[in-house]
């Protein structure tokens, strides 16, 4: 009987304005009353439950009321509060102007709560922004430094793996090397032949028009022979192989990263460089001189056809003139450069392939960057070879 009477008394004291069926007894509703102390000082006494649930209906009115009283009352009494949580503390903290009143009566648990709010906030430093062009240039420099560091690490690992394979030749992936020679060499003969022939036709046609003005038609053989065997043939073959085979190597490693095959190899204790990188580099370094030789031959074939059509030079005259005007050293220099180009293309392609993250966007960006970087590295290496050979008088 006593429990029923207490329940009826509680229901009579609930706040009828509560929404959603969640009603709060009026005895615990948050409230504050302003008064005067015997010495004439203003005092604000808080009562009720100053937690999140009761405050949700009265947060803004209480905040405005507390802020208005904070300017006129120096003494705040929190001793009669039934409950105070972070929501109530933040309300009072904002009303007090984010500082404690000069005269405050509170309980120890209140003091611990407000001490967290008194932690000084360091002043926000305004970052000086650089111009967009300077900022982009700085990011590119950092990215370049990161690539160089990663490439140096990969190169060091390859050197260590080569030393290890010399002691354990049974671990050399001969089948993979043979397969890559077929893919990067034999399957690239068609596109290199077509492009080489057309380049030879264009170069011979443009050269013959200028030589005809001076009556030096026969020197088209000298120009084509020296430029093709030493420079144009290896360089054109390297650019075509970088776009065709280099992108394929990068995409293969990138797909293995996306499908977590590289992680599986690491779990099984299989080295990425021994199983994947070294076979590609060995295969392309062996196939590249042959592809360059084939491309140079097709360029000369195209040049011979164009010279016969425009200048009337006989095919036999062209074929007999090539060995006479092109020293044998130029052939070996071109093949040596092609060998180095193959190593560089495979190394750059594998470098970008191993850096690809397991998502499709990174795969596309990495493949594109690998092709562009491979062609750039090949052209830089060709320029360095030209300077070195010029200094050596070769």
Protein backbone atom coordinates (compact mmCIF):
# COMPACT_ATOMS: atom_id res chain seq x y z
CA UNK A 1 0.00 0.00 0.00
CA UNK A 2 2.84 2.35 0.83
CA UNK A 3 4.51 1.57 -2.55
CA UNK A 4 1.32 2.50 -4.45
CA UNK A 5 1.02 5.83 -2.59
CA UNK A 6 4.66 6.68 -3.43
CA UNK A 7 4.04 5.82 -7.08
CA UNK A 8 0.97 8.10 -7.22
CA UNK A 9 2.95 10.92 -5.59
CA UNK A 10 5.75 10.51 -8.16
CA UNK A 11 3.31 10.54 -11.11
CA UNK A 12 1.71 13.71 -9.78
CA UNK A 13 5.09 15.41 -9.68
CA UNK A 14 6.29 14.50 -13.20
CA UNK A 15 6.69 17.15 -15.86
CA UNK A 16 3.71 16.87 -18.27
CA UNK A 17 5.64 18.71 -21.01
CA UNK A 18 8.10 15.85 -21.53
CA UNK A 19 7.87 14.49 -25.10
CA UNK A 20 8.20 11.02 -26.44
CA UNK A 21 6.79 9.50 -23.28
CA UNK A 22 10.00 10.12 -21.31
CA UNK A 23 8.86 12.06 -18.25
CA UNK A 24 11.11 13.52 -15.56
CA UNK A 25 9.96 14.10 -11.96
CA UNK A 26 9.63 17.80 -11.22
CA UNK A 27 11.68 17.37 -8.05
CA UNK A 28 14.77 16.57 -10.08
CA UNK A 29 14.30 19.07 -12.88
CA UNK A 30 17.30 21.39 -13.26
CA UNK A 31 16.69 24.81 -11.79
CA UNK A 32 18.58 27.86 -10.48
CA UNK A 33 17.41 30.62 -8.19
CA UNK A 34 19.01 33.99 -7.60
CA UNK A 35 19.02 35.60 -4.18
CA UNK A 36 20.94 37.80 -1.77
CA UNK A 37 23.32 36.90 1.00
CA UNK A 38 23.15 38.67 4.38
CA UNK A 39 26.15 40.72 3.34
CA UNK A 40 24.27 41.91 0.24
CA UNK A 41 26.16 39.85 -2.32
CA UNK A 42 24.19 38.12 -5.05
CA UNK A 43 24.05 34.32 -4.92
CA UNK A 44 22.79 31.70 -7.37
CA UNK A 45 21.70 28.35 -5.99
CA UNK A 46 21.41 25.36 -8.31
CA UNK A 47 19.15 22.39 -7.64
CA UNK A 48 17.85 19.29 -9.38
CA UNK A 49 19.46 16.97 -11.91
CA UNK A 50 21.85 18.76 -14.26
CA UNK A 51 22.56 15.79 -16.51
CA UNK A 52 21.97 15.29 -20.21
CA UNK A 53 18.49 13.74 -20.14
CA UNK A 54 16.77 16.39 -17.97
CA UNK A 55 18.68 19.21 -19.67
CA UNK A 56 17.59 18.31 -23.18
CA UNK A 57 14.30 20.18 -22.81
CA UNK A 58 15.71 23.18 -20.95
CA UNK A 59 19.26 23.62 -22.20
CA UNK A 60 18.89 26.93 -24.03
CA UNK A 61 16.67 28.69 -21.43
CA UNK A 62 18.95 27.63 -18.59
CA UNK A 63 22.04 28.66 -20.54
CA UNK A 64 20.61 32.15 -21.18
CA UNK A 65 19.49 32.50 -17.58
CA UNK A 66 22.85 31.38 -16.19
CA UNK A 67 24.75 33.70 -18.52
CA UNK A 68 22.61 36.64 -17.38
CA UNK A 69 23.14 35.86 -13.70
CA UNK A 70 26.91 35.37 -14.12
CA UNK A 71 27.38 39.12 -14.60
CA UNK A 72 25.46 40.14 -11.47
CA UNK A 73 26.10 37.35 -8.98
CA UNK A 74 29.51 36.57 -7.57
CA UNK A 75 28.58 33.53 -5.48
CA UNK A 76 27.41 30.22 -6.99
CA UNK A 77 26.20 27.38 -4.79
CA UNK A 78 26.28 23.87 -6.32
CA UNK A 79 26.03 21.94 -3.08
CA UNK A 80 22.31 21.14 -3.53
CA UNK A 81 22.72 19.51 -6.95
CA UNK A 82 21.49 15.95 -7.14
CA UNK A 83 23.55 15.15 -10.21
CA UNK A 84 25.97 16.92 -12.53
CA UNK A 85 27.50 15.43 -15.68
CA UNK A 86 29.52 16.79 -18.57
CA UNK A 87 26.48 18.37 -20.23
CA UNK A 88 25.63 20.44 -17.15
CA UNK A 89 29.25 21.32 -16.51
CA UNK A 90 29.66 22.56 -20.10
CA UNK A 91 26.49 24.65 -19.77
CA UNK A 92 27.78 26.37 -16.64
CA UNK A 93 31.30 26.69 -18.02
CA UNK A 94 29.99 28.53 -21.07
CA UNK A 95 27.76 30.76 -18.93
CA UNK A 96 30.71 31.68 -16.70
CA UNK A 97 32.79 32.74 -19.69
CA UNK A 98 35.03 29.66 -19.48
CA UNK A 99 36.39 30.59 -16.06
CA UNK A 100 35.34 29.78 -12.51
CA UNK A 101 33.43 32.36 -10.42
CA UNK A 102 35.31 34.11 -7.63
CA UNK A 103 33.10 32.53 -4.93
CA UNK A 104 32.03 28.96 -5.65
CA UNK A 105 30.53 26.37 -3.33
CA UNK A 106 30.78 22.83 -4.73
CA UNK A 107 31.40 19.25 -3.86
CA UNK A 108 34.67 17.37 -4.49
CA UNK A 109 33.25 15.47 -7.49
CA UNK A 110 32.23 18.79 -9.04
CA UNK A 111 35.72 20.12 -8.57
CA UNK A 112 37.21 17.14 -10.42
CA UNK A 113 34.80 17.63 -13.32
CA UNK A 114 35.52 21.33 -13.76
CA UNK A 115 39.27 20.77 -13.44
CA UNK A 116 39.17 18.98 -16.79
CA UNK A 117 37.64 22.05 -18.38
CA UNK A 118 40.30 24.32 -16.90
CA UNK A 119 43.10 22.74 -18.96
CA UNK A 120 44.55 25.63 -20.97
CA UNK A 121 44.06 25.25 -24.71
CA UNK A 122 47.27 26.06 -26.59
CA UNK A 123 46.86 28.91 -29.03
CA UNK A 124 46.16 27.73 -32.51
CA UNK A 125 49.08 28.31 -34.76
CA UNK A 126 48.22 29.75 -38.10
CA UNK A 127 50.16 27.84 -40.71
CA UNK A 128 51.84 29.95 -43.27
CA UNK A 129 50.71 28.65 -46.60
CA UNK A 130 53.11 28.69 -49.48
CA UNK A 131 52.00 29.56 -53.00
CA UNK A 132 50.34 26.59 -54.71
CA UNK A 133 53.14 26.26 -57.26
CA UNK A 134 55.83 26.18 -54.55
CA UNK A 135 53.80 23.73 -52.47
CA UNK A 136 53.31 21.40 -55.44
CA UNK A 137 57.01 21.60 -56.29
CA UNK A 138 57.93 20.68 -52.72
CA UNK A 139 55.58 17.69 -52.74
CA UNK A 140 57.08 16.52 -56.03
CA UNK A 141 60.57 16.76 -54.56
CA UNK A 142 59.55 14.71 -51.53
CA UNK A 143 57.93 12.11 -53.80
CA UNK A 144 61.08 11.96 -55.93
CA UNK A 145 63.23 11.48 -52.83
CA UNK A 146 60.92 8.68 -51.67
CA UNK A 147 61.18 6.95 -55.06
CA UNK A 148 64.96 7.26 -55.09
CA UNK A 149 65.21 5.81 -51.58
CA UNK A 150 62.90 2.92 -52.47
CA UNK A 151 64.78 2.26 -55.73
CA UNK A 152 68.11 2.25 -53.88
CA UNK A 153 66.72 -0.25 -51.40
CA UNK A 154 65.47 -2.47 -54.22
CA UNK A 155 68.83 -2.26 -56.00
CA UNK A 156 70.69 -3.27 -52.85
CA UNK A 157 68.34 -6.22 -52.37
CA UNK A 158 68.95 -7.32 -55.97
CA UNK A 159 72.71 -7.25 -55.43
CA UNK A 160 72.36 -9.40 -52.32
CA UNK A 161 70.05 -11.80 -54.14
CA UNK A 162 72.50 -12.15 -57.03
CA UNK A 163 75.23 -13.07 -54.58
CA UNK A 164 72.91 -15.61 -52.96
CA UNK A 165 71.98 -17.15 -56.34
CA UNK A 166 75.65 -17.56 -57.24
CA UNK A 167 75.97 -19.84 -54.21
CA UNK A 168 72.59 -21.54 -54.85
CA UNK A 169 72.10 -21.71 -58.65
CA UNK A 170 69.29 -24.22 -58.25
CA UNK A 171 66.99 -21.38 -57.13
CA UNK A 172 67.29 -19.49 -60.43
CA UNK A 173 63.90 -19.32 -62.16
CA UNK A 174 64.99 -20.49 -65.63
CA UNK A 175 61.48 -21.19 -66.87
CA UNK A 176 60.20 -17.76 -65.88
CA UNK A 177 63.19 -16.12 -67.55
CA UNK A 178 62.56 -18.06 -70.76
CA UNK A 179 58.86 -17.15 -70.70
CA UNK A 180 59.65 -13.46 -70.22
CA UNK A 181 62.16 -13.55 -73.10
CA UNK A 182 59.38 -14.84 -75.34
CA UNK A 183 56.86 -12.25 -74.12
CA UNK A 184 59.16 -9.24 -74.20
CA UNK A 185 61.20 -10.25 -77.23
CA UNK A 186 59.46 -12.52 -79.73
CA UNK A 187 56.00 -11.07 -79.21
CA UNK A 188 57.33 -7.52 -79.64
CA UNK A 189 58.80 -8.12 -83.11
CA UNK A 190 55.60 -7.24 -84.93
CA UNK A 191 55.04 -3.77 -83.48
CA UNK A 192 58.73 -2.87 -83.57
CA UNK A 193 58.97 -3.94 -87.22
CA UNK A 194 55.97 -1.84 -88.23
CA UNK A 195 57.03 1.28 -86.36
CA UNK A 196 60.67 0.90 -87.38
CA UNK A 197 59.82 0.54 -91.07
CA UNK A 198 57.59 3.62 -91.03
CA UNK A 199 60.19 5.66 -89.18
CA UNK A 200 62.81 4.61 -91.72
CA UNK A 201 60.57 5.67 -94.59
CA UNK A 202 59.90 9.06 -92.99
CA UNK A 203 63.53 9.72 -92.06
CA UNK A 204 64.85 8.72 -95.50
CA UNK A 205 62.23 10.78 -97.32
CA UNK A 206 62.91 13.95 -95.34
CA UNK A 207 66.69 13.50 -95.55
CA UNK A 208 66.70 12.81 -99.29
CA UNK A 209 64.80 16.01 -100.03
CA UNK A 210 67.51 18.07 -98.38
CA UNK A 211 70.39 16.12 -99.93
CA UNK A 212 68.94 16.41 -103.42
CA UNK A 213 69.28 20.21 -103.18
CA UNK A 214 73.07 19.87 -102.80
CA UNK A 215 73.45 16.92 -105.14
CA UNK A 216 74.57 14.60 -102.34
CA UNK A 217 71.97 11.90 -102.76
CA UNK A 218 74.30 9.05 -101.97
CA UNK A 219 75.05 10.36 -98.48
CA UNK A 220 71.62 9.28 -97.32
CA UNK A 221 73.25 5.90 -96.69
CA UNK A 222 75.80 7.47 -94.33
CA UNK A 223 73.17 9.43 -92.40
CA UNK A 224 70.80 6.50 -91.98
CA UNK A 225 73.52 3.99 -91.18
CA UNK A 226 75.25 6.00 -88.46
CA UNK A 227 72.09 7.36 -86.84
CA UNK A 228 70.17 4.09 -86.86
CA UNK A 229 72.73 1.56 -85.66
CA UNK A 230 74.13 3.77 -82.93
CA UNK A 231 71.27 5.93 -81.69
CA UNK A 232 67.85 5.67 -83.28
CA UNK A 233 67.45 1.90 -83.41
CA UNK A 234 68.18 1.11 -79.73
CA UNK A 235 66.32 4.20 -78.53
CA UNK A 236 63.18 3.53 -80.58
CA UNK A 237 63.16 -0.13 -79.56
CA UNK A 238 63.55 0.82 -75.89
CA UNK A 239 60.65 3.29 -76.04
CA UNK A 240 58.37 0.74 -77.69
CA UNK A 241 59.36 -2.01 -75.24
CA UNK A 242 58.89 0.36 -72.28
CA UNK A 243 55.34 1.12 -73.38
CA UNK A 244 54.52 -2.48 -74.19
CA UNK A 245 56.49 -4.82 -71.92
CA UNK A 246 57.30 -2.40 -69.09
CA UNK A 247 53.65 -1.61 -68.49
CA UNK A 248 52.87 -5.34 -68.57
CA UNK A 249 55.44 -6.04 -65.84
CA UNK A 250 54.10 -3.27 -63.63
CA UNK A 251 50.51 -4.38 -64.13
CA UNK A 252 51.40 -8.00 -63.34
CA UNK A 253 53.02 -7.09 -60.03
CA UNK A 254 50.20 -4.65 -59.26
CA UNK A 255 47.52 -7.30 -59.80
CA UNK A 256 49.48 -9.65 -57.56
CA UNK A 257 49.42 -6.95 -54.90
CA UNK A 258 45.66 -6.41 -55.32
CA UNK A 259 44.93 -10.14 -55.15
CA UNK A 260 47.32 -10.54 -52.17
CA UNK A 261 49.57 -12.99 -54.04
CA UNK A 262 52.64 -11.01 -52.98
CA UNK A 263 51.56 -11.35 -49.36
CA UNK A 264 51.13 -15.08 -49.88
CA UNK A 265 54.67 -15.33 -51.25
CA UNK A 266 55.97 -13.47 -48.19
CA UNK A 267 54.09 -15.82 -45.89
CA UNK A 268 55.65 -18.83 -47.66
CA UNK A 269 59.12 -17.27 -47.34
CA UNK A 270 59.62 -16.72 -51.09
CA UNK A 271 61.58 -13.62 -52.02
CA UNK A 272 59.81 -11.21 -54.37
CA UNK A 273 63.05 -10.14 -55.99
CA UNK A 274 64.37 -13.66 -56.62
CA UNK A 275 61.07 -15.05 -57.89
CA UNK A 276 59.63 -12.04 -59.73
CA UNK A 277 62.08 -9.18 -60.29
CA UNK A 278 65.31 -10.91 -61.31
CA UNK A 279 63.72 -13.12 -64.03
CA UNK A 280 62.12 -10.05 -65.62
CA UNK A 281 65.34 -8.04 -65.56
CA UNK A 282 67.43 -10.92 -66.92
CA UNK A 283 64.94 -11.67 -69.67
CA UNK A 284 64.58 -8.09 -70.86
CA UNK A 285 68.32 -7.45 -70.73
CA UNK A 286 68.85 -10.47 -73.02
CA UNK A 287 65.94 -9.77 -75.35
CA UNK A 288 66.47 -6.03 -75.71
CA UNK A 289 69.68 -6.17 -77.86
CA UNK A 290 67.97 -8.57 -80.25
CA UNK A 291 64.88 -6.38 -80.46
CA UNK A 292 67.08 -3.32 -81.06
CA UNK A 293 68.96 -5.17 -83.82
CA UNK A 294 65.66 -6.16 -85.43
CA UNK A 295 64.27 -2.62 -85.14
CA UNK A 296 67.41 -1.08 -86.64
CA UNK A 297 67.20 -3.49 -89.56
CA UNK A 298 63.58 -2.55 -90.21
CA UNK A 299 64.39 1.16 -90.06
CA UNK A 300 67.11 0.65 -92.66
CA UNK A 301 64.70 -1.41 -94.78
CA UNK A 302 62.18 1.41 -94.72
CA UNK A 303 64.90 3.93 -95.50
CA UNK A 304 66.12 1.80 -98.40
CA UNK A 305 62.63 1.61 -99.89
CA UNK A 306 62.13 5.37 -99.56
CA UNK A 307 65.58 6.13 -101.00
CA UNK A 308 64.84 3.93 -104.00
CA UNK A 309 61.50 5.66 -104.56
CA UNK A 310 62.71 9.25 -104.14
CA UNK A 311 66.39 9.17 -105.21
CA UNK A 312 66.49 6.13 -107.44
CA UNK A 313 69.17 4.39 -105.36
CA UNK A 314 69.37 0.68 -106.06
CA UNK A 315 68.81 -1.77 -103.24
CA UNK A 316 72.17 -3.44 -103.85
CA UNK A 317 73.97 -0.10 -103.70
CA UNK A 318 72.28 0.66 -100.39
CA UNK A 319 73.16 -2.75 -98.92
CA UNK A 320 76.77 -2.54 -100.09
CA UNK A 321 77.18 0.99 -98.75
CA UNK A 322 76.03 0.28 -95.18
CA UNK A 323 79.08 -1.83 -94.11
CA UNK A 324 81.44 0.64 -95.76
CA UNK A 325 80.15 3.76 -93.99
CA UNK A 326 79.23 2.29 -90.57
CA UNK A 327 82.16 1.09 -88.43
CA UNK A 328 81.67 -2.17 -86.60
CA UNK A 329 82.12 -0.40 -83.25
CA UNK A 330 78.81 1.43 -83.76
CA UNK A 331 76.98 -1.88 -83.94
CA UNK A 332 78.43 -3.08 -80.63
CA UNK A 333 77.80 0.29 -78.98
CA UNK A 334 74.16 0.13 -80.02
CA UNK A 335 73.77 -3.42 -78.71
CA UNK A 336 75.47 -2.49 -75.43
CA UNK A 337 73.16 0.48 -74.98
CA UNK A 338 70.15 -1.72 -75.71
CA UNK A 339 71.29 -4.15 -73.01
CA UNK A 340 71.46 -1.34 -70.45
CA UNK A 341 68.10 0.01 -71.60
CA UNK A 342 66.52 -3.39 -70.99
CA UNK A 343 67.86 -3.52 -67.45
CA UNK A 344 66.62 0.00 -66.71
CA UNK A 345 63.14 -0.61 -68.14
CA UNK A 346 62.64 -3.81 -66.17
CA UNK A 347 64.02 -2.27 -62.97
CA UNK A 348 61.76 0.79 -63.16
CA UNK A 349 58.73 -1.33 -64.05
CA UNK A 350 59.29 -3.69 -61.11
CA UNK A 351 59.99 -0.75 -58.78
CA UNK A 352 56.61 0.83 -59.53
CA UNK A 353 54.88 -2.55 -59.50
CA UNK A 354 56.04 -3.36 -55.99
CA UNK A 355 54.91 0.08 -54.75
CA UNK A 356 51.32 -0.35 -55.94
CA UNK A 357 48.74 -0.43 -53.15
CA UNK A 358 45.90 -2.99 -53.07
CA UNK A 359 43.33 -0.89 -54.95
CA UNK A 360 42.45 -0.34 -58.60
CA UNK A 361 43.23 3.40 -58.59
CA UNK A 362 46.80 2.82 -57.42
CA UNK A 363 47.19 0.12 -60.08
CA UNK A 364 46.25 2.53 -62.87
CA UNK A 365 48.43 5.35 -61.55
CA UNK A 366 51.40 3.04 -60.96
CA UNK A 367 51.24 1.56 -64.47
CA UNK A 368 51.08 5.00 -66.09
CA UNK A 369 53.91 6.32 -63.94
CA UNK A 370 56.04 3.27 -64.75
CA UNK A 371 55.76 3.82 -68.51
CA UNK A 372 56.52 7.54 -68.29
CA UNK A 373 59.42 7.01 -65.90
CA UNK A 374 60.89 4.18 -67.99
CA UNK A 375 60.91 6.28 -71.15
CA UNK A 376 62.39 9.23 -69.23
CA UNK A 377 65.15 7.09 -67.71
CA UNK A 378 65.97 5.60 -71.12
CA UNK A 379 66.32 9.03 -72.73
CA UNK A 380 68.48 10.29 -69.85
CA UNK A 381 70.69 7.20 -70.11
CA UNK A 382 71.01 7.68 -73.87
CA UNK A 383 72.10 11.30 -73.35
CA UNK A 384 74.68 10.19 -70.80
CA UNK A 385 76.01 7.56 -73.22
CA UNK A 386 76.32 10.20 -75.94
CA UNK A 387 78.31 12.49 -73.63
CA UNK A 388 80.57 9.66 -72.44
CA UNK A 389 81.26 8.41 -75.95
CA UNK A 390 81.97 11.94 -77.11
CA UNK A 391 84.50 12.44 -74.32
CA UNK A 392 86.14 9.10 -75.12
CA UNK A 393 86.25 9.90 -78.81
CA UNK A 394 84.26 6.83 -79.80
